[in-house]
C-alpha atoms as a PDB file:
ATOM      1  CA  MET A   1       0.000   0.000   0.000  1.00  0.00           C
ATOM      2  CA  SER A   2       1.312   3.446  -0.860  1.00  0.00           C
ATOM      3  CA  CYS A   3       2.002   5.827   1.981  1.00  0.00           C
ATOM      4  CA  ASP A   4       1.861   9.106   0.120  1.00  0.00           C
ATOM      5  CA  ILE A   5       1.152  12.415   1.829  1.00  0.00           C
ATOM      6  CA  TRP A   6      -0.841  15.025  -0.053  1.00  0.00           C
ATOM      7  CA  VAL A   7      -1.174  18.749   0.625  1.00  0.00           C
ATOM      8  CA  ILE A   8      -4.164  20.517  -0.956  1.00  0.00           C
ATOM      9  CA  ALA A   9      -3.006  24.037  -1.844  1.00  0.00           C
ATOM     10  CA  GLU A  10      -4.958  27.216  -1.327  1.00  0.00           C
ATOM     11  CA  HIS A  11      -3.877  30.056  -3.579  1.00  0.00           C
ATOM     12  CA  THR A  12      -4.600  33.424  -5.082  1.00  0.00           C
ATOM     13  CA  ALA A  13      -3.991  34.176  -8.755  1.00  0.00           C
ATOM     14  CA  ASP A  14      -0.226  34.380  -8.276  1.00  0.00           C
ATOM     15  CA  ASN A  15       0.671  33.080  -4.828  1.00  0.00           C
ATOM     16  CA  LEU A  16       0.221  30.167  -2.462  1.00  0.00           C
ATOM     17  CA  THR A  17      -1.232  31.107   0.910  1.00  0.00           C
ATOM     18  CA  SER A  18       0.956  31.206   3.996  1.00  0.00           C
ATOM     19  CA  GLY A  19      -1.037  28.304   5.437  1.00  0.00           C
ATOM     20  CA  THR A  20      -0.198  26.137   2.426  1.00  0.00           C
ATOM     21  CA  PHE A  21       3.506  26.484   3.213  1.00  0.00           C
ATOM     22  CA  GLU A  22       2.768  25.483   6.816  1.00  0.00           C
ATOM     23  CA  ALA A  23       0.896  22.427   5.522  1.00  0.00           C
ATOM     24  CA  ILE A  24       3.909  21.577   3.337  1.00  0.00           C
ATOM     25  CA  GLY A  25       6.090  21.793   6.463  1.00  0.00           C
ATOM     26  CA  ALA A  26       3.766  19.398   8.284  1.00  0.00           C
ATOM     27  CA  GLY A  27       3.709  17.152   5.223  1.00  0.00           C
ATOM     28  CA  ARG A  28       7.502  17.029   5.191  1.00  0.00           C
ATOM     29  CA  PHE A  29       7.425  15.885   8.843  1.00  0.00           C
ATOM     30  CA  PHE A  30       5.045  13.048   7.929  1.00  0.00           C
ATOM     31  CA  SER A  31       6.983  12.052   4.819  1.00  0.00           C
ATOM     32  CA  ASN A  32      10.308  11.918   6.688  1.00  0.00           C
ATOM     33  CA  LYS A  33       8.865   9.842   9.538  1.00  0.00           C
ATOM     34  CA  LEU A  34       6.903   7.482   7.290  1.00  0.00           C
ATOM     35  CA  ASN A  35       9.374   7.324   4.394  1.00  0.00           C
ATOM     36  CA  ALA A  36       6.598   8.600   2.151  1.00  0.00           C
ATOM     37  CA  LYS A  37       6.353  10.746  -0.956  1.00  0.00           C
ATOM     38  CA  LEU A  38       5.046  14.284  -0.495  1.00  0.00           C
ATOM     39  CA  SER A  39       2.801  15.774  -3.176  1.00  0.00           C
ATOM     40  CA  LEU A  40       1.235  19.204  -3.626  1.00  0.00           C
ATOM     41  CA  ILE A  41      -2.217  19.306  -5.250  1.00  0.00           C
ATOM     42  CA  ILE A  42      -3.226  22.560  -6.961  1.00  0.00           C
ATOM     43  CA  LEU A  43      -6.723  23.038  -8.364  1.00  0.00           C
ATOM     44  CA  GLY A  44      -7.593  25.950 -10.637  1.00  0.00           C
ATOM     45  CA  ASN A  45      -7.699  27.197 -14.200  1.00  0.00           C
ATOM     46  CA  LYS A  46      -4.928  28.834 -16.248  1.00  0.00           C
ATOM     47  CA  ILE A  47      -2.412  28.735 -13.395  1.00  0.00           C
ATOM     48  CA  ASP A  48       0.828  27.984 -15.275  1.00  0.00           C
ATOM     49  CA  ALA A  49       2.680  30.916 -13.697  1.00  0.00           C
ATOM     50  CA  LEU A  50       1.724  29.711 -10.241  1.00  0.00           C
ATOM     51  CA  ILE A  51       2.789  26.136 -10.956  1.00  0.00           C
ATOM     52  CA  HIS A  52       6.306  26.920 -12.111  1.00  0.00           C
ATOM     53  CA  ARG A  53       6.846  29.495  -9.399  1.00  0.00           C
ATOM     54  CA  PHE A  54       6.222  26.966  -6.648  1.00  0.00           C
ATOM     55  CA  SER A  55       7.550  23.725  -8.094  1.00  0.00           C
ATOM     56  CA  ASP A  56      10.630  24.044  -5.843  1.00  0.00           C
ATOM     57  CA  THR A  57       8.891  23.979  -2.457  1.00  0.00           C
ATOM     58  CA  GLY A  58      10.515  20.688  -1.457  1.00  0.00           C
ATOM     59  CA  VAL A  59       7.683  18.382  -2.506  1.00  0.00           C
ATOM     60  CA  ASP A  60       8.264  15.317  -4.660  1.00  0.00           C
ATOM     61  CA  ASN A  61       5.320  15.870  -7.004  1.00  0.00           C
ATOM     62  CA  VAL A  62       3.042  18.707  -8.017  1.00  0.00           C
ATOM     63  CA  TYR A  63      -0.285  17.519  -9.401  1.00  0.00           C
ATOM     64  CA  VAL A  64      -2.220  20.244 -11.202  1.00  0.00           C
ATOM     65  CA  LEU A  65      -5.943  19.753 -11.774  1.00  0.00           C
ATOM     66  CA  GLU A  66      -7.112  22.342 -14.310  1.00  0.00           C
ATOM     67  CA  ASN A  67     -10.659  22.946 -15.483  1.00  0.00           C
ATOM     68  CA  LEU A  68     -12.804  25.996 -16.179  1.00  0.00           C
ATOM     69  CA  HIS A  69     -15.127  24.940 -13.338  1.00  0.00           C
ATOM     70  CA  LEU A  70     -12.169  25.128 -10.922  1.00  0.00           C
ATOM     71  CA  SER A  71     -11.588  28.847 -11.528  1.00  0.00           C
ATOM     72  CA  GLN A  72     -13.431  29.505  -8.271  1.00  0.00           C
ATOM     73  CA  TYR A  73     -13.811  27.229  -5.283  1.00  0.00           C
ATOM     74  CA  THR A  74     -17.005  25.244  -4.946  1.00  0.00           C
ATOM     75  CA  SER A  75     -17.121  22.020  -2.980  1.00  0.00           C
ATOM     76  CA  ASP A  76     -18.964  20.296  -5.852  1.00  0.00           C
ATOM     77  CA  ALA A  77     -16.214  21.006  -8.367  1.00  0.00           C
ATOM     78  CA  TYR A  78     -13.335  20.279  -5.992  1.00  0.00           C
ATOM     79  CA  ILE A  79     -14.730  16.980  -4.711  1.00  0.00           C
ATOM     80  CA  ASN A  80     -15.831  15.696  -8.123  1.00  0.00           C
ATOM     81  CA  SER A  81     -12.372  16.522  -9.505  1.00  0.00           C
ATOM     82  CA  LEU A  82     -10.433  14.970  -6.648  1.00  0.00           C
ATOM     83  CA  GLU A  83     -12.444  11.832  -5.869  1.00  0.00           C
ATOM     84  CA  PRO A  84     -11.406   9.750  -8.921  1.00  0.00           C
ATOM     85  CA  PHE A  85      -7.839  11.063  -8.684  1.00  0.00           C
ATOM     86  CA  ILE A  86      -7.617  10.054  -5.018  1.00  0.00           C
ATOM     87  CA  LYS A  87      -9.014   6.589  -5.764  1.00  0.00           C
ATOM     88  CA  GLN A  88      -6.418   6.179  -8.513  1.00  0.00           C
ATOM     89  CA  HIS A  89      -3.361   7.222  -6.461  1.00  0.00           C
ATOM     90  CA  LYS A  90      -4.526   6.140  -2.973  1.00  0.00           C
ATOM     91  CA  PRO A  91      -2.714   8.642  -0.707  1.00  0.00           C
ATOM     92  CA  SER A  92      -2.622   7.895   3.019  1.00  0.00           C
ATOM     93  CA  ILE A  93      -3.062  11.375   4.497  1.00  0.00           C
ATOM     94  CA  ILE A  94      -4.477  14.564   2.957  1.00  0.00           C
ATOM     95  CA  LEU A  95      -3.468  17.811   4.661  1.00  0.00           C
ATOM     96  CA  MET A  96      -4.945  21.302   4.476  1.00  0.00           C
ATOM     97  CA  THR A  97      -4.529  24.369   6.631  1.00  0.00           C
ATOM     98  CA  SER A  98      -7.619  25.244   8.689  1.00  0.00           C
ATOM     99  CA  THR A  99      -9.435  28.044   6.844  1.00  0.00           C
ATOM    100  CA  CYS A 100     -12.991  28.934   5.877  1.00  0.00           C
ATOM    101  CA  LEU A 101     -12.471  26.982   2.644  1.00  0.00           C
ATOM    102  CA  SER A 102     -11.126  23.833   4.293  1.00  0.00           C
ATOM    103  CA  ARG A 103     -13.794  23.875   7.004  1.00  0.00           C
ATOM    104  CA  ASP A 104     -16.339  23.575   4.211  1.00  0.00           C
ATOM    105  CA  PHE A 105     -14.391  21.272   1.919  1.00  0.00           C
ATOM    106  CA  ALA A 106     -12.447  18.842   4.144  1.00  0.00           C
ATOM    107  CA  PRO A 107     -15.374  17.218   6.015  1.00  0.00           C
ATOM    108  CA  LYS A 108     -17.330  16.882   2.768  1.00  0.00           C
ATOM    109  CA  LEU A 109     -14.344  15.192   1.115  1.00  0.00           C
ATOM    110  CA  ALA A 110     -13.904  12.771   4.030  1.00  0.00           C
ATOM    111  CA  SER A 111     -17.627  12.010   3.961  1.00  0.00           C
ATOM    112  CA  ARG A 112     -17.523  11.280   0.225  1.00  0.00           C
ATOM    113  CA  LEU A 113     -14.494   8.995   0.688  1.00  0.00           C
ATOM    114  CA  LYS A 114     -15.955   7.447   3.878  1.00  0.00           C
ATOM    115  CA  THR A 115     -12.699   8.049   5.741  1.00  0.00           C
ATOM    116  CA  ALA A 116     -11.615   9.784   8.961  1.00  0.00           C
ATOM    117  CA  TYR A 117     -11.640  13.566   9.332  1.00  0.00           C
ATOM    118  CA  VAL A 118      -9.450  15.255  11.979  1.00  0.00           C
ATOM    119  CA  PRO A 119      -9.935  19.039  12.187  1.00  0.00           C
ATOM    120  CA  ASP A 120      -7.814  21.835  13.643  1.00  0.00           C
ATOM    121  CA  VAL A 121      -4.737  19.753  14.518  1.00  0.00           C
ATOM    122  CA  SER A 122      -2.078  21.590  16.538  1.00  0.00           C
ATOM    123  CA  GLY A 123       0.409  18.752  17.088  1.00  0.00           C
ATOM    124  CA  VAL A 124       1.379  15.307  15.809  1.00  0.00           C
ATOM    125  CA  GLU A 125       3.228  12.384  17.381  1.00  0.00           C
ATOM    126  CA  ILE A 126       4.272   9.350  15.365  1.00  0.00           C
ATOM    127  CA  ASN A 127       5.022   6.328  17.509  1.00  0.00           C
ATOM    128  CA  PRO A 128       7.854   3.989  16.508  1.00  0.00           C
ATOM    129  CA  PRO A 129       8.639   1.690  14.917  1.00  0.00           C
ATOM    130  CA  SER A 130       6.244   2.510  12.089  1.00  0.00           C
ATOM    131  CA  PRO A 131       2.529   3.086  12.258  1.00  0.00           C
ATOM    132  CA  SER A 132       0.128   0.865  10.401  1.00  0.00           C
ATOM    133  CA  LEU A 133      -2.164   2.705   8.030  1.00  0.00           C
ATOM    134  CA  GLN A 134      -3.805  -0.473   6.838  1.00  0.00           C
ATOM    135  CA  LYS A 135      -7.561  -0.898   6.808  1.00  0.00           C
ATOM    136  CA  GLY A 136      -8.897  -1.533  10.278  1.00  0.00           C
ATOM    137  CA  GLY A 137      -5.576  -0.972  12.064  1.00  0.00           C
ATOM    138  CA  GLU A 138      -4.849   1.506  14.825  1.00  0.00           C
ATOM    139  CA  GLY A 139      -2.480   4.057  13.342  1.00  0.00           C
ATOM    140  CA  GLY A 140       0.261   4.862  15.802  1.00  0.00           C
ATOM    141  CA  ILE A 141      -0.184   8.478  14.690  1.00  0.00           C
ATOM    142  CA  LEU A 142      -1.511  10.695  17.467  1.00  0.00           C
ATOM    143  CA  PHE A 143      -3.139  14.005  16.554  1.00  0.00           C
ATOM    144  CA  THR A 144      -3.528  16.756  19.166  1.00  0.00           C
ATOM    145  CA  ARG A 145      -6.340  19.283  18.787  1.00  0.00           C
ATOM    146  CA  PRO A 146      -7.959  21.868  21.088  1.00  0.00           C
ATOM    147  CA  ILE A 147     -11.467  21.234  22.420  1.00  0.00           C
ATOM    148  CA  TYR A 148     -13.947  23.080  24.650  1.00  0.00           C
ATOM    149  CA  GLY A 149     -13.006  26.458  23.252  1.00  0.00           C
ATOM    150  CA  GLY A 150      -9.287  25.812  23.577  1.00  0.00           C
ATOM    151  CA  ARG A 151      -9.425  25.056  27.307  1.00  0.00           C
ATOM    152  CA  LEU A 152      -8.398  21.408  26.836  1.00  0.00           C
ATOM    153  CA  LEU A 153      -6.301  19.439  24.368  1.00  0.00           C
ATOM    154  CA  SER A 154      -7.581  16.155  22.970  1.00  0.00           C
ATOM    155  CA  THR A 155      -5.375  13.407  21.543  1.00  0.00           C
ATOM    156  CA  VAL A 156      -6.998  11.297  18.842  1.00  0.00           C
ATOM    157  CA  THR A 157      -5.945   8.555  16.459  1.00  0.00           C
ATOM    158  CA  CYS A 158      -7.587   7.106  13.360  1.00  0.00           C
ATOM    159  CA  LYS A 159      -8.345   3.678  12.022  1.00  0.00           C
ATOM    160  CA  GLY A 160     -10.068   2.281   8.989  1.00  0.00           C
ATOM    161  CA  GLU A 161      -9.874   3.303   5.377  1.00  0.00           C
ATOM    162  CA  THR A 162      -7.419   5.929   4.187  1.00  0.00           C
ATOM    163  CA  PRO A 163      -6.835   8.677   3.213  1.00  0.00           C
ATOM    164  CA  TRP A 164      -7.359  10.470   6.494  1.00  0.00           C
ATOM    165  CA  VAL A 165      -8.329  14.082   5.888  1.00  0.00           C
ATOM    166  CA  VAL A 166      -6.579  16.427   8.329  1.00  0.00           C
ATOM    167  CA  THR A 167      -6.782  20.206   8.730  1.00  0.00           C
ATOM    168  CA  LEU A 168      -4.004  22.033  10.567  1.00  0.00           C
ATOM    169  CA  ARG A 169      -4.364  24.900  13.011  1.00  0.00           C
ATOM    170  CA  PRO A 170      -2.772  28.083  11.587  1.00  0.00           C
ATOM    171  CA  ARG A 171       0.838  28.647  12.665  1.00  0.00           C
ATOM    172  CA  ALA A 172       0.957  25.361  14.581  1.00  0.00           C
ATOM    173  CA  PHE A 173       3.541  24.011  12.115  1.00  0.00           C
ATOM    174  CA  GLU A 174       6.661  25.688  10.768  1.00  0.00           C
ATOM    175  CA  LYS A 175       7.055  26.527   7.112  1.00  0.00           C
ATOM    176  CA  ILE A 176       9.763  24.244   5.690  1.00  0.00           C
ATOM    177  CA  VAL A 177      10.686  24.864   2.073  1.00  0.00           C
ATOM    178  CA  ASP A 178      13.551  23.056   0.324  1.00  0.00           C
ATOM    179  CA  THR A 179      14.299  25.080  -2.812  1.00  0.00           C
ATOM    180  CA  SER A 180      17.084  22.690  -3.817  1.00  0.00           C
ATOM    181  CA  LYS A 181      14.528  20.048  -4.748  1.00  0.00           C
ATOM    182  CA  GLU A 182      12.681  20.339  -8.059  1.00  0.00           C
ATOM    183  CA  ALA A 183       9.336  18.577  -8.140  1.00  0.00           C
ATOM    184  CA  ASN A 184       7.910  16.423 -10.876  1.00  0.00           C
ATOM    185  CA  ILE A 185       4.932  18.294 -12.392  1.00  0.00           C
ATOM    186  CA  GLU A 186       1.931  16.447 -13.780  1.00  0.00           C
ATOM    187  CA  LYS A 187      -1.138  18.136 -15.272  1.00  0.00           C
ATOM    188  CA  ILE A 188      -4.544  16.499 -15.194  1.00  0.00           C
ATOM    189  CA  GLU A 189      -7.763  17.782 -16.732  1.00  0.00           C
ATOM    190  CA  PRO A 190     -10.637  16.329 -14.698  1.00  0.00           C
ATOM    191  CA  THR A 191     -13.923  15.654 -16.431  1.00  0.00           C
ATOM    192  CA  LEU A 192     -16.569  17.974 -15.063  1.00  0.00           C
ATOM    193  CA  SER A 193     -19.978  18.686 -16.522  1.00  0.00           C
ATOM    194  CA  PRO A 194     -22.575  21.248 -15.460  1.00  0.00           C
ATOM    195  CA  SER A 195     -24.614  18.397 -13.977  1.00  0.00           C
ATOM    196  CA  ASN A 196     -21.746  17.793 -11.499  1.00  0.00           C
ATOM    197  CA  ILE A 197     -21.888  21.391 -10.289  1.00  0.00           C
ATOM    198  CA  ARG A 198     -24.923  22.191  -8.169  1.00  0.00           C
ATOM    199  CA  THR A 199     -23.494  25.423  -6.743  1.00  0.00           C
ATOM    200  CA  ILE A 200     -22.668  28.468  -8.847  1.00  0.00           C
ATOM    201  CA  ILE A 201     -20.910  31.331  -7.092  1.00  0.00           C
ATOM    202  CA  GLU A 202     -20.761  34.865  -8.374  1.00  0.00           C
ATOM    203  CA  GLY A 203     -17.778  36.475  -6.689  1.00  0.00           C
ATOM    204  CA  ILE A 204     -17.005  40.120  -6.050  1.00  0.00           C
ATOM    205  CA  GLU A 205     -13.312  40.607  -5.410  1.00  0.00           C
ATOM    206  CA  LYS A 206     -12.548  42.567  -2.269  1.00  0.00           C
ATOM    207  CA  THR A 207      -9.396  44.660  -2.142  1.00  0.00           C
ATOM    208  CA  GLN A 208      -7.451  44.016   1.050  1.00  0.00           C
ATOM    209  CA  LYS A 209      -4.817  46.412   2.273  1.00  0.00           C
ATOM    210  CA  GLY A 210      -1.891  44.912   4.153  1.00  0.00           C
ATOM    211  CA  LEU A 211      -1.810  41.569   5.910  1.00  0.00           C
ATOM    212  CA  GLY A 212      -4.824  39.483   6.812  1.00  0.00           C
ATOM    213  CA  LEU A 213      -5.531  38.382  10.381  1.00  0.00           C
ATOM    214  CA  THR A 214      -4.170  34.872   9.927  1.00  0.00           C
ATOM    215  CA  GLU A 215      -0.915  36.030   8.279  1.00  0.00           C
ATOM    216  CA  ALA A 216       0.032  38.793  10.746  1.00  0.00           C
ATOM    217  CA  ASP A 217       2.742  38.327  13.376  1.00  0.00           C
ATOM    218  CA  VAL A 218       1.020  40.869  15.638  1.00  0.00           C
ATOM    219  CA  VAL A 219      -2.733  41.067  16.282  1.00  0.00           C
ATOM    220  CA  ILE A 220      -4.338  43.764  18.463  1.00  0.00           C
ATOM    221  CA  SER A 221      -7.939  42.831  19.270  1.00  0.00           C
ATOM    222  CA  GLY A 222     -10.657  44.847  20.947  1.00  0.00           C
ATOM    223  CA  GLY A 223     -13.779  43.722  22.735  1.00  0.00           C
ATOM    224  CA  ARG A 224     -16.846  45.205  24.365  1.00  0.00           C
ATOM    225  CA  GLY A 225     -14.551  47.162  26.668  1.00  0.00           C
ATOM    226  CA  MET A 226     -13.687  49.445  23.728  1.00  0.00           C
ATOM    227  CA  LYS A 227     -17.179  50.988  24.239  1.00  0.00           C
ATOM    228  CA  GLY A 228     -17.724  51.915  20.596  1.00  0.00           C
ATOM    229  CA  PRO A 229     -16.380  51.726  17.025  1.00  0.00           C
ATOM    230  CA  GLU A 230     -14.656  55.111  17.218  1.00  0.00           C
ATOM    231  CA  ASN A 231     -12.331  53.866  19.966  1.00  0.00           C
ATOM    232  CA  PHE A 232     -10.774  51.183  17.759  1.00  0.00           C
ATOM    233  CA  LYS A 233      -8.651  53.994  16.281  1.00  0.00           C
ATOM    234  CA  ILE A 234      -6.193  53.718  19.167  1.00  0.00           C
ATOM    235  CA  LEU A 235      -5.829  49.993  18.468  1.00  0.00           C
ATOM    236  CA  GLU A 236      -5.193  50.767  14.797  1.00  0.00           C
ATOM    237  CA  GLU A 237      -2.476  53.226  15.828  1.00  0.00           C
ATOM    238  CA  LEU A 238      -0.789  50.632  18.040  1.00  0.00           C
ATOM    239  CA  ALA A 239      -1.107  47.991  15.319  1.00  0.00           C
ATOM    240  CA  ASN A 240       0.481  50.306  12.736  1.00  0.00           C
ATOM    241  CA  ILE A 241       3.440  51.006  15.013  1.00  0.00           C
ATOM    242  CA  LEU A 242       3.981  47.293  15.711  1.00  0.00           C
ATOM    243  CA  GLY A 243       3.398  46.204  12.107  1.00  0.00           C
ATOM    244  CA  GLY A 244       0.256  44.300  13.016  1.00  0.00           C
ATOM    245  CA  VAL A 245      -3.468  44.202  12.291  1.00  0.00           C
ATOM    246  CA  VAL A 246      -6.612  44.859  14.314  1.00  0.00           C
ATOM    247  CA  GLY A 247      -9.034  42.112  15.280  1.00  0.00           C
ATOM    248  CA  ALA A 248     -12.182  41.999  17.378  1.00  0.00           C
ATOM    249  CA  SER A 249     -14.128  39.760  19.703  1.00  0.00           C
ATOM    250  CA  GLY A 250     -17.504  38.342  18.777  1.00  0.00           C
ATOM    251  CA  ALA A 251     -19.201  40.830  21.105  1.00  0.00           C
ATOM    252  CA  ALA A 252     -17.604  43.786  19.315  1.00  0.00           C
ATOM    253  CA  VAL A 253     -18.600  42.385  15.923  1.00  0.00           C
ATOM    254  CA  ASP A 254     -22.159  41.633  17.062  1.00  0.00           C
ATOM    255  CA  ALA A 255     -22.415  45.234  18.274  1.00  0.00           C
ATOM    256  CA  GLY A 256     -21.548  46.411  14.757  1.00  0.00           C
ATOM    257  CA  TRP A 257     -18.273  48.043  15.793  1.00  0.00           C
ATOM    258  CA  MET A 258     -16.067  45.928  13.515  1.00  0.00           C
ATOM    259  CA  PRO A 259     -16.752  43.798  10.405  1.00  0.00           C
ATOM    260  CA  HIS A 260     -17.073  40.024  10.675  1.00  0.00           C
ATOM    261  CA  SER A 261     -13.830  39.677   8.684  1.00  0.00           C
ATOM    262  CA  ALA A 262     -12.018  41.023  11.780  1.00  0.00           C
ATOM    263  CA  GLN A 263     -13.582  38.563  14.221  1.00  0.00           C
ATOM    264  CA  VAL A 264     -11.250  36.266  16.143  1.00  0.00           C
ATOM    265  CA  GLY A 265     -12.858  33.218  17.688  1.00  0.00           C
ATOM    266  CA  GLN A 266     -14.785  30.021  17.168  1.00  0.00           C
ATOM    267  CA  THR A 267     -17.107  31.579  14.579  1.00  0.00           C
ATOM    268  CA  GLY A 268     -14.425  33.879  13.165  1.00  0.00           C
ATOM    269  CA  LYS A 269     -10.740  33.549  12.348  1.00  0.00           C
ATOM    270  CA  VAL A 270      -8.318  31.277  14.195  1.00  0.00           C
ATOM    271  CA  VAL A 271      -5.042  33.129  14.700  1.00  0.00           C
ATOM    272  CA  SER A 272      -1.721  32.204  16.248  1.00  0.00           C
ATOM    273  CA  PRO A 273       0.536  35.267  15.929  1.00  0.00           C
ATOM    274  CA  LYS A 274       3.815  35.880  17.705  1.00  0.00           C
ATOM    275  CA  LEU A 275       2.084  38.598  19.761  1.00  0.00           C
ATOM    276  CA  TYR A 276      -1.627  38.873  20.591  1.00  0.00           C
ATOM    277  CA  ILE A 277      -2.845  41.865  22.620  1.00  0.00           C
ATOM    278  CA  ALA A 278      -6.413  41.575  23.927  1.00  0.00           C
ATOM    279  CA  CYS A 279      -7.898  44.960  24.827  1.00  0.00           C
ATOM    280  CA  GLY A 280     -11.138  45.079  26.778  1.00  0.00           C
ATOM    281  CA  ILE A 281     -11.871  41.416  26.048  1.00  0.00           C
ATOM    282  CA  SER A 282     -13.191  39.327  28.941  1.00  0.00           C
ATOM    283  CA  GLY A 283     -12.153  35.998  27.432  1.00  0.00           C
ATOM    284  CA  ALA A 284     -15.259  34.006  26.560  1.00  0.00           C
ATOM    285  CA  PRO A 285     -14.531  30.400  25.495  1.00  0.00           C
ATOM    286  CA  GLN A 286     -15.604  31.225  21.933  1.00  0.00           C
ATOM    287  CA  HIS A 287     -12.909  33.911  21.713  1.00  0.00           C
ATOM    288  CA  LEU A 288     -10.207  31.818  23.401  1.00  0.00           C
ATOM    289  CA  ALA A 289     -10.778  29.094  20.808  1.00  0.00           C
ATOM    290  CA  GLY A 290      -9.512  31.489  18.153  1.00  0.00           C
ATOM    291  CA  MET A 291      -6.333  32.825  19.800  1.00  0.00           C
ATOM    292  CA  SER A 292      -5.171  30.621  22.683  1.00  0.00           C
ATOM    293  CA  THR A 293      -2.249  29.159  20.693  1.00  0.00           C
ATOM    294  CA  SER A 294      -0.686  32.595  20.114  1.00  0.00           C
ATOM    295  CA  LYS A 295       3.008  32.590  21.021  1.00  0.00           C
ATOM    296  CA  CYS A 296       2.683  35.505  23.483  1.00  0.00           C
ATOM    297  CA  ILE A 297      -0.620  36.833  24.846  1.00  0.00           C
ATOM    298  CA  VAL A 298      -0.969  40.212  26.571  1.00  0.00           C
ATOM    299  CA  ALA A 299      -4.325  41.005  28.200  1.00  0.00           C
ATOM    300  CA  ILE A 300      -5.536  44.479  29.195  1.00  0.00           C
ATOM    301  CA  ASN A 301      -8.739  44.553  31.246  1.00  0.00           C
ATOM    302  CA  LYS A 302     -10.166  46.463  34.224  1.00  0.00           C
ATOM    303  CA  ASP A 303     -11.570  43.270  35.746  1.00  0.00           C
ATOM    304  CA  PRO A 304      -8.810  41.327  37.557  1.00  0.00           C
ATOM    305  CA  ASP A 305     -10.991  38.197  37.452  1.00  0.00           C
ATOM    306  CA  ALA A 306     -11.533  38.261  33.674  1.00  0.00           C
ATOM    307  CA  PRO A 307     -10.990  34.757  32.190  1.00  0.00           C
ATOM    308  CA  ILE A 308      -8.603  36.196  29.573  1.00  0.00           C
ATOM    309  CA  PHE A 309      -5.917  36.487  32.279  1.00  0.00           C
ATOM    310  CA  LYS A 310      -5.882  32.690  32.689  1.00  0.00           C
ATOM    311  CA  VAL A 311      -4.416  32.245  29.202  1.00  0.00           C
ATOM    312  CA  ALA A 312      -2.331  35.445  29.139  1.00  0.00           C
ATOM    313  CA  ASP A 313       1.447  35.436  29.432  1.00  0.00           C
ATOM    314  CA  TYR A 314       1.288  39.041  30.644  1.00  0.00           C
ATOM    315  CA  GLY A 315      -1.712  40.731  32.229  1.00  0.00           C
ATOM    316  CA  ILE A 316      -2.354  44.422  32.791  1.00  0.00           C
ATOM    317  CA  VAL A 317      -5.231  45.297  35.113  1.00  0.00           C
ATOM    318  CA  GLY A 318      -6.252  48.768  34.043  1.00  0.00           C
ATOM    319  CA  ASP A 319      -8.349  50.993  31.824  1.00  0.00           C
ATOM    320  CA  VAL A 320      -7.621  50.227  28.171  1.00  0.00           C
ATOM    321  CA  PHE A 321      -7.993  53.948  27.362  1.00  0.00           C
ATOM    322  CA  GLU A 322      -5.134  54.743  29.729  1.00  0.00           C
ATOM    323  CA  VAL A 323      -2.914  51.724  29.094  1.00  0.00           C
ATOM    324  CA  VAL A 324      -2.929  51.642  25.268  1.00  0.00           C
ATOM    325  CA  PRO A 325      -1.934  55.330  24.785  1.00  0.00           C
ATOM    326  CA  ARG A 326       0.944  54.794  27.213  1.00  0.00           C
ATOM    327  CA  LEU A 327       1.990  51.693  25.281  1.00  0.00           C
ATOM    328  CA  ILE A 328       1.941  53.720  22.066  1.00  0.00           C
ATOM    329  CA  ASP A 329       4.126  56.417  23.634  1.00  0.00           C
ATOM    330  CA  GLU A 330       6.629  53.856  24.949  1.00  0.00           C
ATOM    331  CA  VAL A 331       6.880  52.020  21.625  1.00  0.00           C
ATOM    332  CA  LYS A 332       7.430  55.304  19.777  1.00  0.00           C
ATOM    333  CA  LYS A 333      10.402  56.064  22.036  1.00  0.00           C
ATOM    334  CA  ARG A 334      12.190  52.866  21.007  1.00  0.00           C
END
């Protein structure tokens, strides 16, 4: 039985997403431990420039599935393109970074294949000597993932048919790119007909300035303690000085102070920056689920008993409207 590892790429017109490189890093870990081939799967249409630009990411193979119906993501088109290709090549593990796209696509793919789905993985342990990925066998591969809003970690394993479909928590795995290795490129044109596509999406491209929440090394988030949308300006000033972006809690978004695209939490974005500063955020489980794996967490809140302090590396008990301006002044002096 083959023991190939696949990474499903997410991309823009001319670039792979940061999370795809993290998934490649995780894939390299699996391939080294399991003595397996690592392949990158890119779906799209007219993406030659993208293919040749990223054929040296350290993978063994790049499989390119091109079709007009793959110009935009729909789960119908992606699954109907991949299913016969997966059954032909029989990979053991399929990896994706955890994003809005993969949260829609990955469980549907696993359901279609009737295989295991493990979401939001933050760590992996492979037990020696070598895990069995055969049908019906316990795998020896242990996946760690947060549960209960990030308050606990669960360790799970899989058994049964492969491929196992796994999504990876953002920034949980290092980007590892080996530019000395040139991949074998193979193009495939899947057969798709309009009858295969039940969903038609009309997209309006949104222009984004600067980094997105999940790509930023610094995230400054505000909650209900900001008292209104106009007060997020001080967070924007601090974020600009630190080279970061501004996020928000679910309460701030529900109040209409910030757009949903800025929401950090269980029903928003999952972030894991080097520095996360929570301003006026109490720390509801739904919010902690989206930021608790940040490398360094600083909490600013007037309530010394706020749950956010339990996950913070540094806590400041004080008025956010006094603390943040002083932080801005101190950073400007450096």
